[in-house]
Amino acid sequence: MQSKILVSACLMGHAVRYDGRAKPLLHPAIERWRAEGRLVTICPEMSAGMAVPRPPAEIADGATGEEVLAGTARVIELTGGDVTAEFLQAAENAVALARQTGCHYALLIDGSPSCGSAFIYDGTFSGRRQAGNGVTAAALKAAGVEVFSHGEIDRLIDRLAP
């Protein structure tokens, strides 16, 4: 049986991003995996009850998802609201779904304070990027799921090659 792939809902064309939009990833591999029944779609934030649209959020003070999981960093909205608990619930939901459905891989939207894996934003809401994982990406990696950003789909294809 082929391994399943947990994928960010926004990459599948669902309008679930904070701004109420999607960011579809158009790639022949996505269509092939969908036809094979290998894709398991989730928006971690929506799974935790967050609304669409919602205020932008970033991990504060240049911290990472690992630090949020460790309890030493917070996720803050542009409006000042603390949404750390929601992001922790989102990560927990994604890990549980990956385990329940046999997902050994994840293809996640980069830059998100939840799903980012190659980069996230630095917490200043200035558009500055930094290397690091979002909360869900960090939790999935800690659970043994191999995480790939949407920009790394070719690496995932290579990884899945027999």
N, C-alpha and C. Protein backbone atom coordinates (compact mmCIF):
# COMPACT_ATOMS: atom_id res chain seq x y z
N MET A 1 0.84 -1.19 0.00
CA MET A 1 0.00 0.00 0.00
C MET A 1 0.88 1.25 0.00
N GLN A 2 0.49 2.22 -0.80
CA GLN A 2 1.27 3.44 -0.90
C GLN A 2 1.02 4.35 0.30
N SER A 3 2.08 5.02 0.74
CA SER A 3 1.96 5.94 1.87
C SER A 3 1.08 7.11 1.50
N LYS A 4 0.32 7.56 2.47
CA LYS A 4 -0.54 8.72 2.27
C LYS A 4 0.23 10.00 2.58
N ILE A 5 -0.31 11.11 2.07
CA ILE A 5 0.33 12.41 2.20
C ILE A 5 -0.67 13.39 2.80
N LEU A 6 -0.34 13.94 3.95
CA LEU A 6 -1.15 15.00 4.55
C LEU A 6 -0.83 16.28 3.79
N VAL A 7 -1.85 17.00 3.35
CA VAL A 7 -1.61 18.19 2.53
C VAL A 7 -2.44 19.37 3.04
N SER A 8 -1.83 20.55 3.02
CA SER A 8 -2.53 21.77 3.43
C SER A 8 -3.74 21.99 2.52
N ALA A 9 -4.89 22.24 3.13
CA ALA A 9 -6.13 22.42 2.37
C ALA A 9 -6.04 23.58 1.39
N CYS A 10 -5.32 24.64 1.74
CA CYS A 10 -5.20 25.78 0.82
C CYS A 10 -4.48 25.40 -0.46
N LEU A 11 -3.55 24.44 -0.37
CA LEU A 11 -2.85 23.97 -1.57
C LEU A 11 -3.76 23.17 -2.48
N MET A 12 -4.83 22.63 -1.92
CA MET A 12 -5.79 21.85 -2.70
C MET A 12 -6.92 22.72 -3.24
N GLY A 13 -6.78 24.04 -3.08
CA GLY A 13 -7.75 24.96 -3.65
C GLY A 13 -8.86 25.39 -2.71
N HIS A 14 -8.80 24.98 -1.44
CA HIS A 14 -9.81 25.39 -0.47
C HIS A 14 -9.49 26.80 0.04
N ALA A 15 -10.49 27.65 0.09
CA ALA A 15 -10.32 29.04 0.53
C ALA A 15 -10.34 29.10 2.05
N VAL A 16 -9.23 28.69 2.66
CA VAL A 16 -9.16 28.56 4.13
C VAL A 16 -8.05 29.40 4.75
N ARG A 17 -7.28 30.10 3.94
CA ARG A 17 -6.18 30.90 4.49
C ARG A 17 -6.73 32.05 5.34
N TYR A 18 -5.87 32.64 6.13
CA TYR A 18 -6.30 33.73 7.02
C TYR A 18 -7.04 34.82 6.26
N ASP A 19 -6.67 35.05 5.00
CA ASP A 19 -7.29 36.12 4.21
C ASP A 19 -8.50 35.63 3.41
N GLY A 20 -8.93 34.40 3.66
CA GLY A 20 -10.10 33.85 2.99
C GLY A 20 -9.83 33.36 1.58
N ARG A 21 -8.56 33.19 1.26
CA ARG A 21 -8.20 32.75 -0.08
C ARG A 21 -7.57 31.36 -0.06
N ALA A 22 -7.41 30.81 -1.23
CA ALA A 22 -6.68 29.54 -1.41
C ALA A 22 -5.34 29.87 -2.05
N LYS A 23 -4.46 28.90 -2.10
CA LYS A 23 -3.19 29.05 -2.82
C LYS A 23 -2.93 27.72 -3.50
N PRO A 24 -3.76 27.38 -4.51
CA PRO A 24 -3.68 26.05 -5.12
C PRO A 24 -2.31 25.75 -5.71
N LEU A 25 -1.86 24.55 -5.44
CA LEU A 25 -0.60 24.05 -6.00
C LEU A 25 -0.96 23.19 -7.21
N LEU A 26 -0.70 23.73 -8.38
CA LEU A 26 -1.02 23.02 -9.62
C LEU A 26 0.20 22.24 -10.06
N HIS A 27 0.11 20.94 -9.98
CA HIS A 27 1.24 20.08 -10.32
C HIS A 27 0.67 18.71 -10.71
N PRO A 28 1.20 18.10 -11.76
CA PRO A 28 0.67 16.79 -12.17
C PRO A 28 0.71 15.74 -11.06
N ALA A 29 1.69 15.81 -10.18
CA ALA A 29 1.79 14.83 -9.09
C ALA A 29 0.58 14.94 -8.15
N ILE A 30 0.10 16.16 -7.93
CA ILE A 30 -1.06 16.35 -7.05
C ILE A 30 -2.25 15.60 -7.64
N GLU A 31 -2.48 15.76 -8.92
CA GLU A 31 -3.61 15.09 -9.57
C GLU A 31 -3.44 13.57 -9.53
N ARG A 32 -2.23 13.09 -9.75
CA ARG A 32 -1.97 11.65 -9.70
C ARG A 32 -2.23 11.10 -8.30
N TRP A 33 -1.70 11.80 -7.28
CA TRP A 33 -1.89 11.35 -5.90
C TRP A 33 -3.37 11.40 -5.49
N ARG A 34 -4.07 12.42 -5.98
CA ARG A 34 -5.51 12.51 -5.68
C ARG A 34 -6.23 11.31 -6.29
N ALA A 35 -5.93 10.99 -7.54
CA ALA A 35 -6.56 9.86 -8.23
C ALA A 35 -6.23 8.53 -7.54
N GLU A 36 -5.05 8.45 -6.96
CA GLU A 36 -4.63 7.24 -6.25
C GLU A 36 -5.19 7.16 -4.83
N GLY A 37 -5.88 8.22 -4.40
CA GLY A 37 -6.45 8.24 -3.05
C GLY A 37 -5.42 8.40 -1.95
N ARG A 38 -4.30 9.05 -2.28
CA ARG A 38 -3.20 9.18 -1.33
C ARG A 38 -3.24 10.46 -0.50
N LEU A 39 -4.07 11.43 -0.89
CA LEU A 39 -4.05 12.73 -0.23
C LEU A 39 -5.07 12.81 0.90
N VAL A 40 -4.61 13.34 2.01
CA VAL A 40 -5.47 13.62 3.17
C VAL A 40 -5.34 15.12 3.43
N THR A 41 -6.43 15.83 3.29
CA THR A 41 -6.42 17.28 3.34
C THR A 41 -6.80 17.79 4.72
N ILE A 42 -6.06 18.83 5.19
CA ILE A 42 -6.39 19.48 6.46
C ILE A 42 -5.98 20.95 6.41
N CYS A 43 -6.79 21.79 7.01
CA CYS A 43 -6.36 23.13 7.39
C CYS A 43 -6.25 23.06 8.91
N PRO A 44 -5.04 23.02 9.45
CA PRO A 44 -4.92 22.88 10.90
C PRO A 44 -5.68 23.94 11.69
N GLU A 45 -5.60 25.20 11.24
CA GLU A 45 -6.28 26.26 11.98
C GLU A 45 -7.80 26.07 11.99
N MET A 46 -8.36 25.70 10.84
CA MET A 46 -9.81 25.46 10.80
C MET A 46 -10.19 24.26 11.66
N SER A 47 -9.32 23.24 11.70
CA SER A 47 -9.62 22.07 12.52
C SER A 47 -9.67 22.43 14.00
N ALA A 48 -9.02 23.54 14.36
CA ALA A 48 -9.02 24.01 15.75
C ALA A 48 -10.10 25.05 15.99
N GLY A 49 -10.97 25.26 14.99
CA GLY A 49 -12.10 26.16 15.17
C GLY A 49 -11.85 27.61 14.82
N MET A 50 -10.72 27.90 14.19
CA MET A 50 -10.45 29.29 13.81
C MET A 50 -11.28 29.67 12.59
N ALA A 51 -11.67 30.92 12.53
CA ALA A 51 -12.54 31.42 11.47
C ALA A 51 -11.76 31.74 10.20
N VAL A 52 -12.51 31.86 9.11
CA VAL A 52 -11.98 32.34 7.83
C VAL A 52 -12.92 33.44 7.37
N PRO A 53 -12.43 34.64 7.10
CA PRO A 53 -11.05 35.07 7.33
C PRO A 53 -10.77 35.29 8.81
N ARG A 54 -9.50 35.48 9.12
CA ARG A 54 -9.06 35.73 10.49
C ARG A 54 -7.86 36.67 10.44
N PRO A 55 -7.55 37.34 11.53
CA PRO A 55 -6.38 38.23 11.50
C PRO A 55 -5.10 37.45 11.22
N PRO A 56 -4.15 38.05 10.51
CA PRO A 56 -2.86 37.39 10.32
C PRO A 56 -2.22 37.11 11.68
N ALA A 57 -1.48 36.02 11.75
CA ALA A 57 -0.78 35.65 12.98
C ALA A 57 0.65 35.27 12.64
N GLU A 58 1.55 35.51 13.59
CA GLU A 58 2.95 35.11 13.46
C GLU A 58 3.44 34.64 14.82
N ILE A 59 4.47 33.82 14.80
CA ILE A 59 5.11 33.40 16.04
C ILE A 59 5.95 34.58 16.52
N ALA A 60 5.71 35.01 17.75
CA ALA A 60 6.30 36.24 18.27
C ALA A 60 7.80 36.13 18.49
N ASP A 61 8.44 37.27 18.42
CA ASP A 61 9.84 37.44 18.83
C ASP A 61 10.83 36.56 18.08
N GLY A 62 10.55 36.27 16.82
CA GLY A 62 11.50 35.49 16.03
C GLY A 62 11.65 34.05 16.48
N ALA A 63 10.68 33.56 17.23
CA ALA A 63 10.74 32.18 17.72
C ALA A 63 10.22 31.22 16.65
N THR A 64 10.24 29.94 16.97
CA THR A 64 9.84 28.89 16.02
C THR A 64 8.72 28.03 16.59
N GLY A 65 8.17 27.18 15.73
CA GLY A 65 7.13 26.26 16.16
C GLY A 65 7.59 25.34 17.27
N GLU A 66 8.85 24.92 17.23
CA GLU A 66 9.38 24.07 18.31
C GLU A 66 9.29 24.77 19.66
N GLU A 67 9.57 26.07 19.65
CA GLU A 67 9.51 26.84 20.90
C GLU A 67 8.06 27.01 21.38
N VAL A 68 7.13 27.15 20.44
CA VAL A 68 5.71 27.21 20.83
C VAL A 68 5.31 25.87 21.46
N LEU A 69 5.71 24.76 20.84
CA LEU A 69 5.40 23.43 21.39
C LEU A 69 6.00 23.25 22.78
N ALA A 70 7.18 23.83 23.00
CA ALA A 70 7.86 23.72 24.30
C ALA A 70 7.28 24.66 25.35
N GLY A 71 6.38 25.55 24.93
CA GLY A 71 5.76 26.48 25.87
C GLY A 71 6.57 27.73 26.12
N THR A 72 7.59 27.99 25.30
CA THR A 72 8.44 29.17 25.52
C THR A 72 8.21 30.29 24.51
N ALA A 73 7.23 30.12 23.62
CA ALA A 73 6.92 31.15 22.64
C ALA A 73 5.41 31.17 22.41
N ARG A 74 4.94 32.29 21.86
CA ARG A 74 3.51 32.49 21.63
C ARG A 74 3.24 32.78 20.16
N VAL A 75 1.99 32.51 19.75
CA VAL A 75 1.52 32.91 18.42
C VAL A 75 0.55 34.07 18.64
N ILE A 76 0.86 35.19 17.98
CA ILE A 76 0.12 36.43 18.21
C ILE A 76 -0.46 36.94 16.90
N GLU A 77 -1.70 37.41 16.96
CA GLU A 77 -2.34 38.01 15.79
C GLU A 77 -1.87 39.45 15.63
N LEU A 78 -2.02 39.96 14.43
CA LEU A 78 -1.69 41.36 14.15
C LEU A 78 -2.46 42.29 15.08
N THR A 79 -3.66 41.89 15.47
CA THR A 79 -4.50 42.69 16.36
C THR A 79 -4.06 42.60 17.82
N GLY A 80 -3.08 41.73 18.12
CA GLY A 80 -2.59 41.57 19.49
C GLY A 80 -3.15 40.36 20.20
N GLY A 81 -4.13 39.70 19.62
CA GLY A 81 -4.72 38.52 20.26
C GLY A 81 -3.73 37.35 20.32
N ASP A 82 -3.76 36.64 21.41
CA ASP A 82 -2.91 35.47 21.60
C ASP A 82 -3.68 34.23 21.14
N VAL A 83 -3.21 33.58 20.08
CA VAL A 83 -3.87 32.40 19.54
C VAL A 83 -2.99 31.15 19.69
N THR A 84 -2.12 31.18 20.67
CA THR A 84 -1.22 30.05 20.91
C THR A 84 -2.01 28.77 21.15
N ALA A 85 -3.03 28.83 21.99
CA ALA A 85 -3.81 27.62 22.31
C ALA A 85 -4.43 27.03 21.05
N GLU A 86 -4.94 27.87 20.16
CA GLU A 86 -5.54 27.40 18.93
C GLU A 86 -4.51 26.74 18.03
N PHE A 87 -3.32 27.32 17.95
CA PHE A 87 -2.27 26.75 17.11
C PHE A 87 -1.76 25.43 17.68
N LEU A 88 -1.71 25.32 19.00
CA LEU A 88 -1.32 24.04 19.61
C LEU A 88 -2.38 22.98 19.34
N GLN A 89 -3.66 23.35 19.43
CA GLN A 89 -4.73 22.41 19.12
C GLN A 89 -4.67 22.00 17.65
N ALA A 90 -4.40 22.96 16.77
CA ALA A 90 -4.29 22.69 15.34
C ALA A 90 -3.19 21.66 15.07
N ALA A 91 -2.05 21.83 15.72
CA ALA A 91 -0.93 20.90 15.55
C ALA A 91 -1.30 19.51 16.06
N GLU A 92 -1.94 19.47 17.20
CA GLU A 92 -2.38 18.19 17.77
C GLU A 92 -3.36 17.48 16.83
N ASN A 93 -4.28 18.25 16.25
CA ASN A 93 -5.26 17.67 15.32
C ASN A 93 -4.57 17.11 14.08
N ALA A 94 -3.59 17.83 13.56
CA ALA A 94 -2.88 17.38 12.36
C ALA A 94 -2.10 16.10 12.62
N VAL A 95 -1.43 16.03 13.77
CA VAL A 95 -0.68 14.82 14.13
C VAL A 95 -1.65 13.64 14.28
N ALA A 96 -2.78 13.88 14.95
CA ALA A 96 -3.77 12.80 15.14
C ALA A 96 -4.30 12.32 13.79
N LEU A 97 -4.61 13.24 12.88
CA LEU A 97 -5.11 12.86 11.56
C LEU A 97 -4.05 12.08 10.78
N ALA A 98 -2.81 12.52 10.84
CA ALA A 98 -1.73 11.82 10.14
C ALA A 98 -1.62 10.39 10.66
N ARG A 99 -1.69 10.23 11.96
CA ARG A 99 -1.60 8.88 12.54
C ARG A 99 -2.80 8.02 12.15
N GLN A 100 -4.00 8.59 12.23
CA GLN A 100 -5.23 7.84 11.93
C GLN A 100 -5.28 7.38 10.49
N THR A 101 -4.70 8.16 9.59
CA THR A 101 -4.83 7.88 8.16
C THR A 101 -3.56 7.29 7.54
N GLY A 102 -2.53 7.10 8.34
CA GLY A 102 -1.30 6.50 7.83
C GLY A 102 -0.47 7.42 6.96
N CYS A 103 -0.50 8.71 7.24
CA CYS A 103 0.32 9.66 6.48
C CYS A 103 1.75 9.66 7.04
N HIS A 104 2.69 9.29 6.18
CA HIS A 104 4.10 9.32 6.57
C HIS A 104 4.79 10.57 6.03
N TYR A 105 4.06 11.31 5.18
CA TYR A 105 4.59 12.51 4.54
C TYR A 105 3.56 13.62 4.67
N ALA A 106 4.06 14.86 4.65
CA ALA A 106 3.17 16.02 4.65
C ALA A 106 3.70 17.03 3.63
N LEU A 107 2.78 17.64 2.89
CA LEU A 107 3.09 18.69 1.93
C LEU A 107 2.32 19.93 2.40
N LEU A 108 3.08 20.89 2.94
CA LEU A 108 2.46 22.02 3.62
C LEU A 108 2.86 23.36 2.99
N ILE A 109 1.96 24.33 3.11
CA ILE A 109 2.19 25.67 2.59
C ILE A 109 3.28 26.35 3.42
N ASP A 110 4.26 26.92 2.75
CA ASP A 110 5.35 27.56 3.47
C ASP A 110 4.98 28.97 3.92
N GLY A 111 5.65 29.44 4.96
CA GLY A 111 5.45 30.78 5.46
C GLY A 111 4.43 30.87 6.57
N SER A 112 3.56 29.92 6.67
CA SER A 112 2.50 29.92 7.67
C SER A 112 3.05 29.67 9.07
N PRO A 113 2.50 30.35 10.09
CA PRO A 113 2.93 30.07 11.47
C PRO A 113 2.51 28.67 11.92
N SER A 114 1.67 28.04 11.14
CA SER A 114 1.27 26.67 11.41
C SER A 114 2.04 25.70 10.52
N CYS A 115 1.93 25.88 9.21
CA CYS A 115 2.42 24.90 8.24
C CYS A 115 3.80 25.19 7.67
N GLY A 116 4.37 26.35 7.91
CA GLY A 116 5.68 26.67 7.35
C GLY A 116 6.72 25.64 7.76
N SER A 117 7.59 25.28 6.81
CA SER A 117 8.66 24.33 7.16
C SER A 117 10.03 24.79 6.66
N ALA A 118 10.10 25.48 5.56
CA ALA A 118 11.38 26.04 5.10
C ALA A 118 11.56 27.43 5.71
N PHE A 119 10.44 28.19 5.76
CA PHE A 119 10.51 29.50 6.38
C PHE A 119 9.19 29.86 7.04
N ILE A 120 9.30 30.75 8.02
CA ILE A 120 8.16 31.39 8.67
C ILE A 120 8.50 32.88 8.75
N TYR A 121 7.55 33.67 9.18
CA TYR A 121 7.81 35.09 9.34
C TYR A 121 8.30 35.36 10.77
N ASP A 122 9.00 36.48 10.94
CA ASP A 122 9.76 36.70 12.17
C ASP A 122 8.97 37.28 13.35
N GLY A 123 7.65 37.44 13.20
CA GLY A 123 6.85 37.91 14.31
C GLY A 123 6.67 39.42 14.37
N THR A 124 7.23 40.14 13.40
CA THR A 124 7.11 41.61 13.41
C THR A 124 6.05 42.12 12.45
N PHE A 125 5.43 41.21 11.69
CA PHE A 125 4.41 41.57 10.68
C PHE A 125 4.97 42.56 9.65
N SER A 126 6.26 42.43 9.38
CA SER A 126 6.93 43.32 8.43
C SER A 126 7.25 42.60 7.12
N GLY A 127 6.89 41.31 7.01
CA GLY A 127 7.20 40.54 5.82
C GLY A 127 8.58 39.92 5.83
N ARG A 128 9.32 40.07 6.94
CA ARG A 128 10.65 39.47 7.02
C ARG A 128 10.55 37.98 7.32
N ARG A 129 11.23 37.20 6.49
CA ARG A 129 11.23 35.75 6.64
C ARG A 129 12.44 35.29 7.46
N GLN A 130 12.27 34.13 8.06
CA GLN A 130 13.38 33.48 8.74
C GLN A 130 13.23 31.98 8.55
N ALA A 131 14.34 31.27 8.59
CA ALA A 131 14.28 29.82 8.52
C ALA A 131 13.58 29.30 9.76
N GLY A 132 12.75 28.28 9.60
CA GLY A 132 12.10 27.69 10.77
C GLY A 132 10.81 27.01 10.42
N ASN A 133 10.30 26.29 11.40
CA ASN A 133 9.05 25.55 11.27
C ASN A 133 7.92 26.27 11.98
N GLY A 134 6.72 26.16 11.39
CA GLY A 134 5.52 26.57 12.08
C GLY A 134 5.17 25.51 13.13
N VAL A 135 4.12 25.74 13.88
CA VAL A 135 3.75 24.87 14.99
C VAL A 135 3.34 23.48 14.50
N THR A 136 2.48 23.41 13.49
CA THR A 136 2.05 22.11 12.97
C THR A 136 3.20 21.36 12.32
N ALA A 137 4.00 22.06 11.52
CA ALA A 137 5.14 21.40 10.87
C ALA A 137 6.08 20.83 11.92
N ALA A 138 6.35 21.58 12.97
CA ALA A 138 7.24 21.11 14.04
C ALA A 138 6.66 19.88 14.73
N ALA A 139 5.35 19.90 15.00
CA ALA A 139 4.70 18.77 15.67
C ALA A 139 4.70 17.53 14.79
N LEU A 140 4.44 17.71 13.50
CA LEU A 140 4.46 16.57 12.58
C LEU A 140 5.86 15.97 12.50
N LYS A 141 6.87 16.81 12.39
CA LYS A 141 8.25 16.31 12.35
C LYS A 141 8.59 15.55 13.63
N ALA A 142 8.18 16.10 14.77
CA ALA A 142 8.44 15.43 16.05
C ALA A 142 7.74 14.08 16.12
N ALA A 143 6.63 13.94 15.41
CA ALA A 143 5.86 12.68 15.39
C ALA A 143 6.39 11.71 14.32
N GLY A 144 7.44 12.10 13.61
CA GLY A 144 8.04 11.20 12.63
C GLY A 144 7.51 11.33 11.22
N VAL A 145 6.70 12.34 10.96
CA VAL A 145 6.19 12.58 9.60
C VAL A 145 7.23 13.42 8.86
N GLU A 146 7.56 13.02 7.65
CA GLU A 146 8.48 13.81 6.82
C GLU A 146 7.70 14.97 6.22
N VAL A 147 8.16 16.19 6.47
CA VAL A 147 7.45 17.39 6.04
C VAL A 147 8.19 18.06 4.88
N PHE A 148 7.41 18.41 3.86
CA PHE A 148 7.93 19.10 2.69
C PHE A 148 7.11 20.37 2.48
N SER A 149 7.79 21.47 2.13
CA SER A 149 7.06 22.70 1.80
C SER A 149 6.52 22.57 0.39
N HIS A 150 5.56 23.42 0.05
CA HIS A 150 4.99 23.36 -1.30
C HIS A 150 6.06 23.61 -2.36
N GLY A 151 7.12 24.32 -2.02
CA GLY A 151 8.22 24.56 -2.94
C GLY A 151 9.15 23.36 -3.10
N GLU A 152 8.93 22.34 -2.29
CA GLU A 152 9.77 21.15 -2.32
C GLU A 152 9.04 19.93 -2.89
N ILE A 153 8.00 20.17 -3.67
CA ILE A 153 7.22 19.04 -4.19
C ILE A 153 8.07 18.08 -5.02
N ASP A 154 9.05 18.61 -5.73
CA ASP A 154 9.92 17.72 -6.51
C ASP A 154 10.76 16.82 -5.60
N ARG A 155 11.16 17.33 -4.46
CA ARG A 155 11.88 16.48 -3.48
C ARG A 155 10.96 15.40 -2.95
N LEU A 156 9.70 15.73 -2.71
CA LEU A 156 8.74 14.73 -2.24
C LEU A 156 8.52 13.67 -3.32
N ILE A 157 8.40 14.07 -4.56
CA ILE A 157 8.24 13.13 -5.66
C ILE A 157 9.42 12.16 -5.69
N ASP A 158 10.63 12.71 -5.56
CA ASP A 158 11.84 11.87 -5.54
C ASP A 158 11.82 10.92 -4.35
N ARG A 159 11.38 11.42 -3.20
CA ARG A 159 11.34 10.61 -1.98
C ARG A 159 10.36 9.45 -2.13
N LEU A 160 9.28 9.67 -2.84
CA LEU A 160 8.26 8.62 -3.02
C LEU A 160 8.58 7.66 -4.15
N ALA A 161 9.59 8.00 -4.95
CA ALA A 161 9.93 7.13 -6.09
C ALA A 161 10.41 5.77 -5.59
N PRO A 162 9.97 4.69 -6.27
CA PRO A 162 10.37 3.35 -5.82
C PRO A 162 11.85 3.09 -6.01
